Amino acid sequence: MENEVKKSDEVNLIDIFAVCIKFRKLILIGTALMFILLTGALIGVSKIKESRTGKTVTVLNLLEIKDFPAEFVESKHDLNRVEELTRNYLHDTYFFAKLQEQYPAWADPTASDYFDKIDEILNTSHYFQIDFHPVTDVFYLYSIVPVSRQENLSPFLNAYVDHIQANLASDFKSRCNLSAEDADAWLKNAEPFVKLSPYTYQRKPASKTLTLKIVIIFLGSLFCFVFLAFVLNAVQAVKKDENACKTLKEAWDNGK
């Protein structure tokens, strides 16, 4: 019994290979033509998309924050003000737009819809995302910029953090119990309330996605023509079998 099962499996495998060999030209030529056409179309669409949107790079920067010192502020609420104030300053549309004119990392400052574009970048798009990690007191700044503008991102962020630090220093002076002179002296020697971490993660445009799509196109093309070969083989077998032809004709005639 076991030998019969093995023999049956061997026969089925031989039948499968026989069909593939019989229609080898159809499978090889058809697969090659479909692969070339679909791959060409895919690359063409990718090129058109790149010409419209341009290649982009994703950069992650960490913005570390430090609370106002407890011994210099009277209100407990002020201890947590740095996170709230920093978040507000990061969304300062006016300063963001003015600084972006100097270091255009995202938008063209000469465009007629420049300020609308800046507002979109800060509030509705994924080009500049801000996440706060309350345990480590770190802001995660995700920037998606065109590769052609990438060199402007670092000076932009450094200048923006300097601007935020200046505003936080002013806020601290207005909230602390020190005199203006003592507050200035303390700020001069203290670490900044916000600073960019030297850690930077950069994710460049990967070609893996395109490669994977090409592999899928090849396998899909191969499957289609192997399947077509078996369909043609089945049609030829039916044509040679009079009973099968008769059964199919009756089924067609009786179909509704």
C-alpha atoms as a PDB file:
ATOM      1  CA  MET A   1       0.000   0.000   0.000  1.00  0.00           C
ATOM      2  CA  GLU A   2       2.792   2.372   0.963  1.00  0.00           C
ATOM      3  CA  ASN A   3       4.622   1.598  -2.279  1.00  0.00           C
ATOM      4  CA  GLU A   4       1.476   2.456  -4.240  1.00  0.00           C
ATOM      5  CA  VAL A   5       1.266   5.870  -2.521  1.00  0.00           C
ATOM      6  CA  LYS A   6       4.911   6.609  -3.291  1.00  0.00           C
ATOM      7  CA  LYS A   7       4.413   5.520  -6.888  1.00  0.00           C
ATOM      8  CA  SER A   8       1.353   7.754  -7.187  1.00  0.00           C
ATOM      9  CA  ASP A   9       3.318  10.741  -5.856  1.00  0.00           C
ATOM     10  CA  GLU A  10       6.145  10.049  -8.295  1.00  0.00           C
ATOM     11  CA  VAL A  11       3.700   9.826 -11.190  1.00  0.00           C
ATOM     12  CA  ASN A  12       2.112  13.149 -10.193  1.00  0.00           C
ATOM     13  CA  LEU A  13       5.495  14.848 -10.028  1.00  0.00           C
ATOM     14  CA  ILE A  14       6.468  13.398 -13.386  1.00  0.00           C
ATOM     15  CA  ASP A  15       3.178  14.602 -14.877  1.00  0.00           C
ATOM     16  CA  ILE A  16       3.805  18.099 -13.521  1.00  0.00           C
ATOM     17  CA  PHE A  17       7.328  18.230 -14.921  1.00  0.00           C
ATOM     18  CA  ALA A  18       6.098  16.779 -18.195  1.00  0.00           C
ATOM     19  CA  VAL A  19       3.597  19.607 -18.624  1.00  0.00           C
ATOM     20  CA  CYS A  20       6.251  22.214 -17.796  1.00  0.00           C
ATOM     21  CA  ILE A  21       8.672  20.675 -20.294  1.00  0.00           C
ATOM     22  CA  LYS A  22       5.972  20.380 -22.944  1.00  0.00           C
ATOM     23  CA  PHE A  23       5.097  24.083 -22.685  1.00  0.00           C
ATOM     24  CA  ARG A  24       8.609  25.287 -21.811  1.00  0.00           C
ATOM     25  CA  LYS A  25       8.724  27.856 -24.617  1.00  0.00           C
ATOM     26  CA  LEU A  26       5.407  29.350 -23.574  1.00  0.00           C
ATOM     27  CA  ILE A  27       6.477  29.504 -19.925  1.00  0.00           C
ATOM     28  CA  LEU A  28       9.957  30.922 -20.553  1.00  0.00           C
ATOM     29  CA  ILE A  29       9.064  33.429 -23.274  1.00  0.00           C
ATOM     30  CA  GLY A  30       5.790  34.468 -21.646  1.00  0.00           C
ATOM     31  CA  THR A  31       7.381  34.916 -18.232  1.00  0.00           C
ATOM     32  CA  ALA A  32      10.247  36.916 -19.717  1.00  0.00           C
ATOM     33  CA  LEU A  33       7.953  39.225 -21.706  1.00  0.00           C
ATOM     34  CA  MET A  34       5.552  39.836 -18.820  1.00  0.00           C
ATOM     35  CA  PHE A  35       8.461  40.384 -16.415  1.00  0.00           C
ATOM     36  CA  ILE A  36      10.092  42.921 -18.739  1.00  0.00           C
ATOM     37  CA  LEU A  37       6.849  44.797 -19.371  1.00  0.00           C
ATOM     38  CA  LEU A  38       5.733  44.953 -15.740  1.00  0.00           C
ATOM     39  CA  THR A  39       9.201  45.773 -14.437  1.00  0.00           C
ATOM     40  CA  GLY A  40       9.537  48.538 -17.006  1.00  0.00           C
ATOM     41  CA  ALA A  41       6.154  49.926 -16.003  1.00  0.00           C
ATOM     42  CA  LEU A  42       7.105  49.760 -12.309  1.00  0.00           C
ATOM     43  CA  ILE A  43      10.402  51.567 -12.834  1.00  0.00           C
ATOM     44  CA  GLY A  44       8.686  54.135 -15.055  1.00  0.00           C
ATOM     45  CA  VAL A  45       6.060  54.880 -12.409  1.00  0.00           C
ATOM     46  CA  SER A  46       8.796  55.108  -9.751  1.00  0.00           C
ATOM     47  CA  LYS A  47      10.748  57.589 -11.871  1.00  0.00           C
ATOM     48  CA  ILE A  48       7.655  59.723 -12.445  1.00  0.00           C
ATOM     49  CA  LYS A  49       6.897  59.684  -8.731  1.00  0.00           C
ATOM     50  CA  GLU A  50      10.488  60.636  -7.906  1.00  0.00           C
ATOM     51  CA  SER A  51      10.419  63.498 -10.391  1.00  0.00           C
ATOM     52  CA  ARG A  52       7.284  64.866  -8.737  1.00  0.00           C
ATOM     53  CA  THR A  53       8.104  64.317  -5.079  1.00  0.00           C
ATOM     54  CA  GLY A  54      11.870  63.771  -5.079  1.00  0.00           C
ATOM     55  CA  LYS A  55      13.782  61.295  -2.981  1.00  0.00           C
ATOM     56  CA  THR A  56      13.512  61.858   0.743  1.00  0.00           C
ATOM     57  CA  VAL A  57      15.495  60.863   3.799  1.00  0.00           C
ATOM     58  CA  THR A  58      14.142  60.290   7.311  1.00  0.00           C
ATOM     59  CA  VAL A  59      16.222  61.717  10.160  1.00  0.00           C
ATOM     60  CA  LEU A  60      15.574  61.211  13.872  1.00  0.00           C
ATOM     61  CA  ASN A  61      17.038  63.689  16.370  1.00  0.00           C
ATOM     62  CA  LEU A  62      16.698  63.552  20.138  1.00  0.00           C
ATOM     63  CA  LEU A  63      15.967  66.781  21.979  1.00  0.00           C
ATOM     64  CA  GLU A  64      16.827  66.474  25.679  1.00  0.00           C
ATOM     65  CA  ILE A  65      15.142  68.777  28.176  1.00  0.00           C
ATOM     66  CA  LYS A  66      15.878  69.733  31.772  1.00  0.00           C
ATOM     67  CA  ASP A  67      13.293  71.178  34.164  1.00  0.00           C
ATOM     68  CA  PHE A  68      13.676  74.480  35.956  1.00  0.00           C
ATOM     69  CA  PRO A  69      15.590  73.924  39.228  1.00  0.00           C
ATOM     70  CA  ALA A  70      13.219  73.481  42.182  1.00  0.00           C
ATOM     71  CA  GLU A  71      15.206  75.779  44.500  1.00  0.00           C
ATOM     72  CA  PHE A  72      14.698  78.762  42.194  1.00  0.00           C
ATOM     73  CA  VAL A  73      10.978  78.505  41.375  1.00  0.00           C
ATOM     74  CA  GLU A  74       8.114  79.050  43.768  1.00  0.00           C
ATOM     75  CA  SER A  75       5.340  77.129  42.033  1.00  0.00           C
ATOM     76  CA  LYS A  76       5.408  73.344  41.635  1.00  0.00           C
ATOM     77  CA  HIS A  77       3.653  73.858  38.314  1.00  0.00           C
ATOM     78  CA  ASP A  78       6.754  75.632  37.003  1.00  0.00           C
ATOM     79  CA  LEU A  79       8.829  72.492  37.523  1.00  0.00           C
ATOM     80  CA  ASN A  80       7.080  70.877  34.551  1.00  0.00           C
ATOM     81  CA  ARG A  81       6.889  73.996  32.425  1.00  0.00           C
ATOM     82  CA  VAL A  82       9.918  73.183  30.267  1.00  0.00           C
ATOM     83  CA  GLU A  83       8.190  70.282  28.512  1.00  0.00           C
ATOM     84  CA  GLU A  84       5.038  72.312  27.883  1.00  0.00           C
ATOM     85  CA  LEU A  85       6.908  75.424  26.757  1.00  0.00           C
ATOM     86  CA  THR A  86       9.268  73.447  24.518  1.00  0.00           C
ATOM     87  CA  ARG A  87       6.331  71.770  22.820  1.00  0.00           C
ATOM     88  CA  ASN A  88       4.776  75.176  22.153  1.00  0.00           C
ATOM     89  CA  TYR A  89       8.010  76.624  20.802  1.00  0.00           C
ATOM     90  CA  LEU A  90       8.515  73.641  18.521  1.00  0.00           C
ATOM     91  CA  HIS A  91       5.183  74.558  16.929  1.00  0.00           C
ATOM     92  CA  ASP A  92       6.048  78.246  16.584  1.00  0.00           C
ATOM     93  CA  THR A  93       4.883  78.625  12.993  1.00  0.00           C
ATOM     94  CA  TYR A  94       6.217  82.158  12.522  1.00  0.00           C
ATOM     95  CA  PHE A  95       9.756  81.466  13.720  1.00  0.00           C
ATOM     96  CA  PHE A  96       9.779  78.090  11.944  1.00  0.00           C
ATOM     97  CA  ALA A  97       8.903  79.866   8.699  1.00  0.00           C
ATOM     98  CA  LYS A  98      11.454  82.654   9.174  1.00  0.00           C
ATOM     99  CA  LEU A  99      14.251  80.235  10.045  1.00  0.00           C
ATOM    100  CA  GLN A 100      13.301  77.971   7.140  1.00  0.00           C
ATOM    101  CA  GLU A 101      13.907  80.921   4.837  1.00  0.00           C
ATOM    102  CA  GLN A 102      17.528  80.871   5.994  1.00  0.00           C
ATOM    103  CA  TYR A 103      17.880  77.064   5.998  1.00  0.00           C
ATOM    104  CA  PRO A 104      15.235  75.760   3.541  1.00  0.00           C
ATOM    105  CA  ALA A 105      15.041  72.114   4.586  1.00  0.00           C
ATOM    106  CA  TRP A 106      11.454  71.517   3.441  1.00  0.00           C
ATOM    107  CA  ALA A 107       9.733  74.268   1.468  1.00  0.00           C
ATOM    108  CA  ASP A 108      10.774  76.828  -1.112  1.00  0.00           C
ATOM    109  CA  PRO A 109      10.701  80.266   0.607  1.00  0.00           C
ATOM    110  CA  THR A 110       9.922  81.970  -2.708  1.00  0.00           C
ATOM    111  CA  ALA A 111       6.732  79.971  -3.292  1.00  0.00           C
ATOM    112  CA  SER A 112       3.454  81.887  -3.135  1.00  0.00           C
ATOM    113  CA  ASP A 113       1.956  79.355  -0.715  1.00  0.00           C
ATOM    114  CA  TYR A 114       5.066  79.248   1.492  1.00  0.00           C
ATOM    115  CA  PHE A 115       3.368  79.951   4.830  1.00  0.00           C
ATOM    116  CA  ASP A 116       0.564  77.522   4.030  1.00  0.00           C
ATOM    117  CA  LYS A 117       3.221  74.893   3.338  1.00  0.00           C
ATOM    118  CA  ILE A 118       4.948  75.627   6.667  1.00  0.00           C
ATOM    119  CA  ASP A 119       1.644  75.363   8.501  1.00  0.00           C
ATOM    120  CA  GLU A 120       1.031  72.021   6.797  1.00  0.00           C
ATOM    121  CA  ILE A 121       4.509  70.749   7.745  1.00  0.00           C
ATOM    122  CA  LEU A 122       4.034  71.654  11.412  1.00  0.00           C
ATOM    123  CA  ASN A 123       0.415  70.707  11.945  1.00  0.00           C
ATOM    124  CA  THR A 124      -0.961  68.274   9.388  1.00  0.00           C
ATOM    125  CA  SER A 125       1.823  66.453   7.568  1.00  0.00           C
ATOM    126  CA  HIS A 126       4.310  63.766   8.528  1.00  0.00           C
ATOM    127  CA  TYR A 127       7.339  65.786   7.400  1.00  0.00           C
ATOM    128  CA  PHE A 128       8.104  67.045  10.916  1.00  0.00           C
ATOM    129  CA  GLN A 129       6.728  64.937  13.753  1.00  0.00           C
ATOM    130  CA  ILE A 130       7.261  65.514  17.461  1.00  0.00           C
ATOM    131  CA  ASP A 131       6.899  62.789  20.096  1.00  0.00           C
ATOM    132  CA  PHE A 132       7.674  63.215  23.772  1.00  0.00           C
ATOM    133  CA  HIS A 133       8.967  60.425  26.028  1.00  0.00           C
ATOM    134  CA  PRO A 134       7.934  61.429  29.589  1.00  0.00           C
ATOM    135  CA  VAL A 135      10.186  58.879  31.321  1.00  0.00           C
ATOM    136  CA  THR A 136      13.440  60.019  29.754  1.00  0.00           C
ATOM    137  CA  ASP A 137      12.453  63.687  29.214  1.00  0.00           C
ATOM    138  CA  VAL A 138      13.336  63.494  25.536  1.00  0.00           C
ATOM    139  CA  PHE A 139      11.577  64.807  22.464  1.00  0.00           C
ATOM    140  CA  TYR A 140      11.844  62.650  19.342  1.00  0.00           C
ATOM    141  CA  LEU A 141      12.049  64.863  16.283  1.00  0.00           C
ATOM    142  CA  TYR A 142      11.288  62.990  13.056  1.00  0.00           C
ATOM    143  CA  SER A 143      12.207  64.968   9.952  1.00  0.00           C
ATOM    144  CA  ILE A 144      11.476  63.795   6.425  1.00  0.00           C
ATOM    145  CA  VAL A 145      13.343  66.048   4.020  1.00  0.00           C
ATOM    146  CA  PRO A 146      14.290  65.875   0.341  1.00  0.00           C
ATOM    147  CA  VAL A 147      17.786  64.506  -0.170  1.00  0.00           C
ATOM    148  CA  SER A 148      18.640  67.663  -2.086  1.00  0.00           C
ATOM    149  CA  ARG A 149      17.851  69.763   1.027  1.00  0.00           C
ATOM    150  CA  GLN A 150      19.256  67.433   3.670  1.00  0.00           C
ATOM    151  CA  GLU A 151      22.336  69.577   4.348  1.00  0.00           C
ATOM    152  CA  ASN A 152      20.051  72.376   5.607  1.00  0.00           C
ATOM    153  CA  LEU A 153      18.402  70.245   8.290  1.00  0.00           C
ATOM    154  CA  SER A 154      21.214  70.192  10.856  1.00  0.00           C
ATOM    155  CA  PRO A 155      21.864  73.971  10.927  1.00  0.00           C
ATOM    156  CA  PHE A 156      18.105  74.550  10.931  1.00  0.00           C
ATOM    157  CA  LEU A 157      17.570  72.347  14.002  1.00  0.00           C
ATOM    158  CA  ASN A 158      20.589  73.805  15.820  1.00  0.00           C
ATOM    159  CA  ALA A 159      19.337  77.345  15.257  1.00  0.00           C
ATOM    160  CA  TYR A 160      15.808  76.340  16.249  1.00  0.00           C
ATOM    161  CA  VAL A 161      17.004  74.766  19.513  1.00  0.00           C
ATOM    162  CA  ASP A 162      19.051  77.885  20.274  1.00  0.00           C
ATOM    163  CA  HIS A 163      15.891  79.917  19.784  1.00  0.00           C
ATOM    164  CA  ILE A 164      13.946  77.625  22.131  1.00  0.00           C
ATOM    165  CA  GLN A 165      16.718  77.810  24.756  1.00  0.00           C
ATOM    166  CA  ALA A 166      16.677  81.616  24.611  1.00  0.00           C
ATOM    167  CA  ASN A 167      12.932  81.648  25.153  1.00  0.00           C
ATOM    168  CA  LEU A 168      13.170  79.154  28.025  1.00  0.00           C
ATOM    169  CA  ALA A 169      15.891  81.242  29.662  1.00  0.00           C
ATOM    170  CA  SER A 170      13.597  84.250  29.463  1.00  0.00           C
ATOM    171  CA  ASP A 171      10.753  82.203  30.922  1.00  0.00           C
ATOM    172  CA  PHE A 172      12.991  81.013  33.751  1.00  0.00           C
ATOM    173  CA  LYS A 173      14.009  84.569  34.623  1.00  0.00           C
ATOM    174  CA  SER A 174      10.356  85.596  34.817  1.00  0.00           C
ATOM    175  CA  ARG A 175       9.500  82.683  37.139  1.00  0.00           C
ATOM    176  CA  CYS A 176      12.554  82.320  39.383  1.00  0.00           C
ATOM    177  CA  ASN A 177      13.097  83.970  42.761  1.00  0.00           C
ATOM    178  CA  LEU A 178      16.497  85.337  41.769  1.00  0.00           C
ATOM    179  CA  SER A 179      17.355  88.858  40.820  1.00  0.00           C
ATOM    180  CA  ALA A 180      17.915  89.556  37.149  1.00  0.00           C
ATOM    181  CA  GLU A 181      21.703  89.707  37.643  1.00  0.00           C
ATOM    182  CA  ASP A 182      21.806  86.460  39.651  1.00  0.00           C
ATOM    183  CA  ALA A 183      19.560  84.729  37.133  1.00  0.00           C
ATOM    184  CA  ASP A 184      21.844  85.768  34.267  1.00  0.00           C
ATOM    185  CA  ALA A 185      24.886  84.539  36.194  1.00  0.00           C
ATOM    186  CA  TRP A 186      23.233  81.212  36.940  1.00  0.00           C
ATOM    187  CA  LEU A 187      22.127  80.726  33.332  1.00  0.00           C
ATOM    188  CA  LYS A 188      25.612  81.522  32.077  1.00  0.00           C
ATOM    189  CA  ASN A 189      27.130  78.604  34.000  1.00  0.00           C
ATOM    190  CA  ALA A 190      24.217  76.163  33.902  1.00  0.00           C
ATOM    191  CA  GLU A 191      23.505  73.543  31.270  1.00  0.00           C
ATOM    192  CA  PRO A 192      20.861  74.590  28.735  1.00  0.00           C
ATOM    193  CA  PHE A 193      17.267  73.593  29.356  1.00  0.00           C
ATOM    194  CA  VAL A 194      17.131  72.010  25.893  1.00  0.00           C
ATOM    195  CA  LYS A 195      19.888  70.517  23.781  1.00  0.00           C
ATOM    196  CA  LEU A 196      20.135  68.270  20.749  1.00  0.00           C
ATOM    197  CA  SER A 197      21.591  64.897  21.556  1.00  0.00           C
ATOM    198  CA  PRO A 198      24.625  63.912  19.459  1.00  0.00           C
ATOM    199  CA  TYR A 199      22.641  60.801  18.561  1.00  0.00           C
ATOM    200  CA  THR A 200      21.124  60.995  15.098  1.00  0.00           C
ATOM    201  CA  TYR A 201      19.407  58.189  13.237  1.00  0.00           C
ATOM    202  CA  GLN A 202      19.148  58.500   9.491  1.00  0.00           C
ATOM    203  CA  ARG A 203      17.117  56.235   7.257  1.00  0.00           C
ATOM    204  CA  LYS A 204      17.971  56.726   3.621  1.00  0.00           C
ATOM    205  CA  PRO A 205      15.651  55.709   0.789  1.00  0.00           C
ATOM    206  CA  ALA A 206      15.965  51.963   0.554  1.00  0.00           C
ATOM    207  CA  SER A 207      15.947  50.037  -2.700  1.00  0.00           C
ATOM    208  CA  LYS A 208      14.691  46.923  -0.926  1.00  0.00           C
ATOM    209  CA  THR A 209      11.077  47.804  -1.640  1.00  0.00           C
ATOM    210  CA  LEU A 210      11.695  48.069  -5.380  1.00  0.00           C
ATOM    211  CA  THR A 211      13.746  44.867  -5.356  1.00  0.00           C
ATOM    212  CA  LEU A 212      10.981  43.025  -3.515  1.00  0.00           C
ATOM    213  CA  LYS A 213       8.409  44.237  -6.037  1.00  0.00           C
ATOM    214  CA  ILE A 214      10.575  43.030  -8.914  1.00  0.00           C
ATOM    215  CA  VAL A 215      10.925  39.593  -7.301  1.00  0.00           C
ATOM    216  CA  ILE A 216       7.149  39.446  -6.799  1.00  0.00           C
ATOM    217  CA  ILE A 217       6.608  40.396 -10.460  1.00  0.00           C
ATOM    218  CA  PHE A 218       8.930  37.603 -11.598  1.00  0.00           C
ATOM    219  CA  LEU A 219       7.291  34.961  -9.402  1.00  0.00           C
ATOM    220  CA  GLY A 220       3.824  36.158 -10.356  1.00  0.00           C
ATOM    221  CA  SER A 221       4.674  36.066 -14.073  1.00  0.00           C
ATOM    222  CA  LEU A 222       6.127  32.573 -13.724  1.00  0.00           C
ATOM    223  CA  PHE A 223       3.065  31.343 -11.840  1.00  0.00           C
ATOM    224  CA  CYS A 224       0.679  32.805 -14.436  1.00  0.00           C
ATOM    225  CA  PHE A 225       2.323  31.043 -17.353  1.00  0.00           C
ATOM    226  CA  VAL A 226       2.784  27.749 -15.515  1.00  0.00           C
ATOM    227  CA  PHE A 227      -0.907  27.900 -14.682  1.00  0.00           C
ATOM    228  CA  LEU A 228      -1.692  28.745 -18.319  1.00  0.00           C
ATOM    229  CA  ALA A 229       0.389  25.741 -19.415  1.00  0.00           C
ATOM    230  CA  PHE A 230      -1.680  23.417 -17.228  1.00  0.00           C
ATOM    231  CA  VAL A 231      -4.896  24.974 -18.548  1.00  0.00           C
ATOM    232  CA  LEU A 232      -3.794  24.415 -22.154  1.00  0.00           C
ATOM    233  CA  ASN A 233      -2.696  20.889 -21.322  1.00  0.00           C
ATOM    234  CA  ALA A 234      -6.083  20.186 -19.750  1.00  0.00           C
ATOM    235  CA  VAL A 235      -7.882  21.610 -22.817  1.00  0.00           C
ATOM    236  CA  GLN A 236      -5.849  19.375 -25.121  1.00  0.00           C
ATOM    237  CA  ALA A 237      -6.589  16.337 -22.948  1.00  0.00           C
ATOM    238  CA  VAL A 238     -10.318  17.098 -22.991  1.00  0.00           C
ATOM    239  CA  LYS A 239     -10.334  17.463 -26.778  1.00  0.00           C
ATOM    240  CA  LYS A 240      -8.825  13.982 -27.128  1.00  0.00           C
ATOM    241  CA  ASP A 241     -11.401  12.466 -24.770  1.00  0.00           C
ATOM    242  CA  GLU A 242     -14.763  12.128 -26.558  1.00  0.00           C
ATOM    243  CA  ASN A 243     -16.658  11.367 -23.350  1.00  0.00           C
ATOM    244  CA  ALA A 244     -15.209  14.423 -21.662  1.00  0.00           C
ATOM    245  CA  CYS A 245     -16.130  16.605 -24.646  1.00  0.00           C
ATOM    246  CA  LYS A 246     -19.657  15.236 -24.594  1.00  0.00           C
ATOM    247  CA  THR A 247     -20.014  15.844 -20.860  1.00  0.00           C
ATOM    248  CA  LEU A 248     -18.787  19.414 -21.152  1.00  0.00           C
ATOM    249  CA  LYS A 249     -21.062  20.091 -24.127  1.00  0.00           C
ATOM    250  CA  GLU A 250     -24.066  18.840 -22.212  1.00  0.00           C
ATOM    251  CA  ALA A 251     -23.103  20.949 -19.221  1.00  0.00           C
ATOM    252  CA  TRP A 252     -22.828  23.995 -21.479  1.00  0.00           C
ATOM    253  CA  ASP A 253     -26.147  23.364 -23.158  1.00  0.00           C
ATOM    254  CA  ASN A 254     -27.916  22.795 -19.856  1.00  0.00           C
ATOM    255  CA  GLY A 255     -26.351  25.788 -18.182  1.00  0.00           C
ATOM    256  CA  LYS A 256     -28.526  28.673 -17.089  1.00  0.00           C
END
